[in-house]
Protein backbone atom coordinates (compact mmCIF):
# COMPACT_ATOMS: atom_id res chain seq x y z
CA MET A 1 -8.37 -38.69 9.66
CA MET A 2 -7.08 -35.13 9.93
CA ALA A 3 -6.69 -33.80 13.48
CA GLU A 4 -8.95 -30.89 14.35
CA ARG A 5 -7.26 -27.58 14.91
CA MET A 6 -6.71 -26.15 18.36
CA THR A 7 -8.99 -23.35 19.54
CA ALA A 8 -7.52 -19.85 19.50
CA VAL A 9 -7.59 -18.27 22.96
CA ARG A 10 -8.03 -14.53 23.48
CA ALA A 11 -4.97 -13.17 25.28
CA CYS A 12 -3.11 -10.04 26.25
CA VAL A 13 0.48 -9.87 25.03
CA SER A 14 1.65 -9.98 28.66
CA ASP A 15 -0.07 -13.38 29.06
CA ILE A 16 2.29 -14.68 26.39
CA VAL A 17 5.63 -12.97 27.01
CA ASN A 18 5.43 -13.27 30.81
CA GLY A 19 4.44 -16.92 30.60
CA ARG A 20 6.57 -20.06 30.61
CA TYR A 21 7.37 -21.54 27.21
CA ASP A 22 7.43 -25.32 26.85
CA GLU A 23 7.52 -27.74 23.90
CA GLU A 24 6.27 -30.82 25.73
CA ASN A 25 3.23 -32.10 23.80
CA GLY A 26 3.74 -29.31 21.28
CA PRO A 27 4.87 -25.66 21.49
CA HIS A 28 2.91 -23.61 24.02
CA VAL A 29 3.12 -21.02 26.78
CA VAL A 30 1.65 -21.41 30.25
CA SER A 31 0.48 -17.92 31.20
CA PRO A 32 1.09 -16.39 34.66
CA HIS A 33 -2.52 -17.41 35.44
CA GLY A 34 -1.81 -21.05 34.56
CA VAL A 35 -3.63 -21.02 31.21
CA GLU A 36 -2.11 -23.00 28.34
CA LEU A 37 -1.73 -20.90 25.19
CA ARG A 38 -0.96 -22.64 21.90
CA ARG A 39 -2.98 -20.60 19.43
CA VAL A 40 -3.94 -17.06 20.41
CA VAL A 41 -5.99 -14.03 19.45
CA VAL A 42 -4.37 -10.68 20.26
CA LEU A 43 -5.39 -7.11 19.50
CA GLY A 44 -2.85 -4.31 19.46
CA PHE A 45 -1.23 -1.51 17.52
CA VAL A 46 1.49 -2.24 14.97
CA VAL A 47 4.39 -0.14 16.24
CA ASN A 48 7.06 -1.49 13.91
CA LYS A 49 7.27 -3.46 10.67
CA TYR A 50 10.22 -5.14 8.98
CA THR A 51 10.29 -6.66 5.51
CA GLY A 52 13.27 -8.55 4.11
CA ASP A 53 13.94 -9.76 0.59
CA GLY A 54 10.55 -11.37 0.22
CA ASN A 55 11.36 -14.37 2.36
CA PHE A 56 10.82 -12.83 5.80
CA ALA A 57 8.62 -10.18 7.42
CA SER A 58 7.70 -9.23 10.96
CA ILE A 59 5.50 -6.77 12.83
CA THR A 60 5.71 -5.66 16.45
CA ILE A 61 2.37 -5.54 18.28
CA ASP A 62 1.78 -3.36 21.36
CA ASP A 63 -1.49 -3.82 23.28
CA GLY A 64 -0.57 -1.66 26.26
CA THR A 65 0.53 -4.58 28.43
CA GLU A 66 3.64 -5.70 26.51
CA THR A 67 5.00 -6.04 22.99
CA ILE A 68 5.47 -9.15 20.86
CA ARG A 69 6.54 -9.86 17.31
CA ALA A 70 4.58 -11.77 14.70
CA LYS A 71 6.99 -13.37 12.20
CA ALA A 72 6.45 -15.07 8.85
CA TRP A 73 8.68 -16.69 6.25
CA GLY A 74 8.45 -17.60 2.58
CA THR A 75 5.09 -17.19 0.90
CA GLU A 76 3.48 -16.43 4.27
CA ALA A 77 5.57 -13.25 4.59
CA ALA A 78 3.14 -11.42 2.29
CA LEU A 79 0.57 -11.55 5.09
CA LEU A 80 2.73 -9.19 7.17
CA GLU A 81 4.22 -7.18 4.29
CA ASN A 82 0.72 -5.86 3.56
CA THR A 83 0.00 -5.01 7.21
CA PRO A 84 -0.21 -1.23 7.84
CA GLU A 85 1.79 0.40 10.62
CA ALA A 86 0.23 2.47 13.44
CA LYS A 87 -3.10 0.67 13.03
CA LEU A 88 -5.08 -1.48 15.47
CA MET A 89 -4.82 -5.08 14.27
CA LEU A 90 -6.37 -8.43 15.08
CA VAL A 91 -3.77 -11.21 14.91
CA VAL A 92 -4.52 -14.93 15.20
CA GLY A 93 -1.61 -17.34 15.28
CA LYS A 94 0.48 -20.01 16.97
CA ILE A 95 3.04 -19.51 19.73
CA ARG A 96 6.68 -20.28 18.97
CA GLU A 97 10.07 -19.47 20.50
CA TYR A 98 13.56 -19.05 19.06
CA GLU A 99 16.71 -17.82 20.84
CA ASP A 100 14.69 -16.88 23.94
CA GLU A 101 12.20 -14.78 21.97
CA THR A 102 8.56 -15.85 22.16
CA TYR A 103 6.68 -14.81 19.03
CA ILE A 104 3.52 -15.48 17.01
CA VAL A 105 3.37 -17.27 13.67
CA PRO A 106 0.34 -15.49 12.17
CA GLU A 107 -2.52 -17.21 10.38
CA ILE A 108 -4.84 -14.19 10.19
CA THR A 109 -4.21 -10.44 10.37
CA GLN A 110 -7.05 -7.96 10.05
CA GLU A 111 -7.17 -4.21 10.59
CA VAL A 112 -9.73 -3.18 13.22
CA GLY A 113 -11.61 0.02 12.48
CA ASN A 114 -13.77 0.07 15.61
CA SER A 115 -11.68 0.79 18.73
CA ASN A 116 -14.53 -0.52 20.93
CA VAL A 117 -13.56 -4.02 19.79
CA MET A 118 -10.60 -3.73 22.19
CA THR A 119 -13.00 -3.27 25.12
CA VAL A 120 -14.88 -6.44 24.27
CA HIS A 121 -11.61 -8.30 23.63
CA LEU A 122 -10.32 -7.42 27.12
CA LEU A 123 -13.55 -8.52 28.78
CA GLU A 124 -13.73 -11.76 26.79
CA ARG A 125 -10.06 -12.43 27.52
CA TYR A 126 -10.76 -11.95 31.23
CA ARG A 127 -13.70 -14.39 31.06
CA ALA A 128 -11.67 -16.94 29.07
CA MET A 129 -8.77 -16.80 31.53
CA LEU A 130 -11.13 -17.35 34.46
CA THR A 131 -12.84 -20.27 32.73
CA ARG A 132 -9.66 -21.98 31.55
CA ALA A 133 -7.81 -21.43 34.82
CA GLY A 134 -10.77 -22.87 36.74
CA ILE A 135 -10.77 -20.05 39.28
CA SER A 136 -13.33 -17.51 40.42
CA THR A 137 -10.99 -14.55 40.93
CA LEU A 138 -8.17 -13.49 38.65
CA GLU A 139 -5.40 -11.17 39.81
CA THR A 140 -5.18 -8.47 37.18
CA PRO A 141 -2.08 -6.28 36.71
CA PRO A 142 -2.71 -2.58 37.56
CA GLU A 143 -2.49 -1.40 33.95
CA GLU A 144 -5.11 -3.95 32.83
CA GLN A 145 -7.30 -3.22 35.86
CA SER A 146 -7.37 0.50 35.03
CA GLN A 147 -8.32 -0.31 31.44
CA LEU A 148 -11.18 -2.54 32.59
CA GLN A 149 -12.39 -0.04 35.21
CA SER A 150 -12.32 2.93 32.85
CA LYS A 151 -14.38 1.02 30.32
CA SER A 152 -16.72 -0.86 32.62
CA ASP A 153 -19.51 1.74 32.42
CA ASP A 154 -19.96 1.29 28.68
CA ALA A 155 -18.86 -2.34 28.39
CA VAL A 156 -22.37 -3.80 28.28
CA SER A 157 -23.61 -1.32 25.71
CA THR A 158 -20.45 -1.79 23.63
CA GLU A 159 -20.84 -5.57 23.56
CA SER A 160 -24.50 -5.21 22.67
CA THR A 161 -23.60 -2.86 19.84
CA LEU A 162 -21.05 -5.30 18.46
CA GLU A 163 -23.42 -8.26 18.70
CA SER A 164 -26.74 -6.69 17.79
CA TYR A 165 -28.10 -7.33 14.35
CA ALA A 166 -31.06 -5.38 13.02
CA ASP A 167 -32.83 -7.54 10.45
CA GLU A 168 -36.58 -7.06 10.87
CA GLY A 169 -38.47 -10.27 11.39
CA ASP A 170 -35.32 -12.29 12.13
CA THR A 171 -35.55 -14.18 15.40
CA ALA A 172 -31.76 -14.47 15.86
CA ALA A 173 -30.89 -11.65 18.27
CA THR A 174 -27.11 -11.54 17.97
CA LEU A 175 -24.45 -11.86 15.31
CA SER A 176 -23.00 -14.89 17.12
CA GLU A 177 -26.36 -16.68 16.97
CA LYS A 178 -26.76 -15.85 13.30
CA ILE A 179 -23.32 -17.15 12.44
CA LEU A 180 -23.98 -20.34 14.41
CA GLN A 181 -27.32 -20.81 12.66
CA PHE A 182 -25.70 -20.18 9.26
CA ILE A 183 -23.00 -22.79 9.93
CA GLN A 184 -25.57 -25.31 11.18
CA ASN A 185 -27.74 -24.81 8.09
CA SER A 186 -25.01 -24.49 5.46
CA ALA A 187 -22.10 -26.74 6.45
CA GLY A 188 -22.08 -30.08 4.69
CA LYS A 189 -19.93 -32.99 5.78
CA ASP A 190 -16.87 -31.12 4.50
CA GLY A 191 -17.70 -28.01 6.53
CA ILE A 192 -18.06 -24.37 5.52
CA THR A 193 -15.16 -22.00 4.88
CA MET A 194 -14.47 -18.69 6.58
CA GLN A 195 -14.61 -17.07 3.15
CA GLU A 196 -18.17 -18.31 2.66
CA ILE A 197 -19.11 -16.99 6.11
CA PHE A 198 -17.50 -13.63 5.28
CA GLU A 199 -19.27 -13.37 1.93
CA TYR A 200 -22.69 -14.07 3.42
CA PHE A 201 -22.48 -11.69 6.38
CA VAL A 202 -20.48 -8.91 4.70
CA SER A 203 -23.24 -8.80 2.07
CA LYS A 204 -25.59 -8.05 4.97
CA GLY A 205 -23.47 -5.14 6.18
CA GLU A 206 -21.39 -6.85 8.88
CA ASP A 207 -17.74 -6.06 9.56
CA LYS A 208 -15.15 -8.76 8.79
CA VAL A 209 -13.32 -8.28 12.10
CA GLU A 210 -16.52 -8.69 14.11
CA ILE A 211 -17.41 -11.81 12.11
CA GLN A 212 -13.95 -13.27 12.76
CA LEU A 213 -14.18 -12.54 16.50
CA LYS A 214 -17.61 -14.14 16.78
CA VAL A 215 -16.37 -17.29 15.03
CA ILE A 216 -13.46 -17.43 17.49
CA ASP A 217 -15.87 -17.08 20.41
CA LEU A 218 -18.11 -19.85 19.05
CA LEU A 219 -15.05 -22.10 18.89
CA ASP A 220 -14.09 -21.18 22.45
CA LYS A 221 -17.61 -21.98 23.66
CA ASN A 222 -17.57 -25.35 21.83
CA LYS A 223 -20.53 -24.38 19.64
CA ILE A 224 -18.53 -25.13 16.47
CA ARG A 225 -15.27 -26.91 15.65
CA GLU A 226 -12.51 -26.22 13.14
CA LYS A 227 -11.97 -29.20 10.85
CA GLU A 228 -8.92 -27.61 9.26
CA MET A 229 -7.65 -24.07 8.90
CA GLY A 230 -10.60 -21.83 8.04
CA VAL A 231 -13.15 -24.68 7.68
CA TYR A 232 -15.89 -25.08 10.30
CA LEU A 233 -18.49 -27.63 11.38
CA PRO A 234 -21.23 -27.38 14.02
CA MET A 235 -20.80 -29.43 17.20
């Protein structure tokens, strides 16, 4: 029986690069807040890109807290070769380290057109760190604290905007609930693919990045599980 994939955890780049890397029980970083990070979701601007002879590519991601590289080899290098520079990107991938450099092996990269997604990402990251660390108060670095404070006034309305879904007569109030309902109703024993989820909700006018983020959140909240890469089943 194939092992289920680990949940991707929302993180700031500083959570990764300032953490402690360890390979016991598999490659991972323990963040400064004591949270284990194996597979992460980061949002940041691509400030540099390198492409080799077709066998290697990398991008440098800056989210305002630190920078980190995402690196890919072989056929996977195309994922980064097609990534635009100076754009806000969503990156999902696994943590690795080589020659004292902690980096991300990307599984998903997606350009983010709505800058408000960063606000929600920071707030959800804060919630996830609190939950996973098992603490009620999290010490936040000054630069992150100023970001959260400057955006706190519109955070609720921003999250509502990202989650609201205006189909008349539909009882599901949020995009997350609709995705969960779709997976529950459509996934057979083999699960349902991310591509099928994309096709259904994009046809209804939803943004691919927002769909991806909601699926990640459903995984984090144990509402769904990932059978294998990009294939989902309800809990």
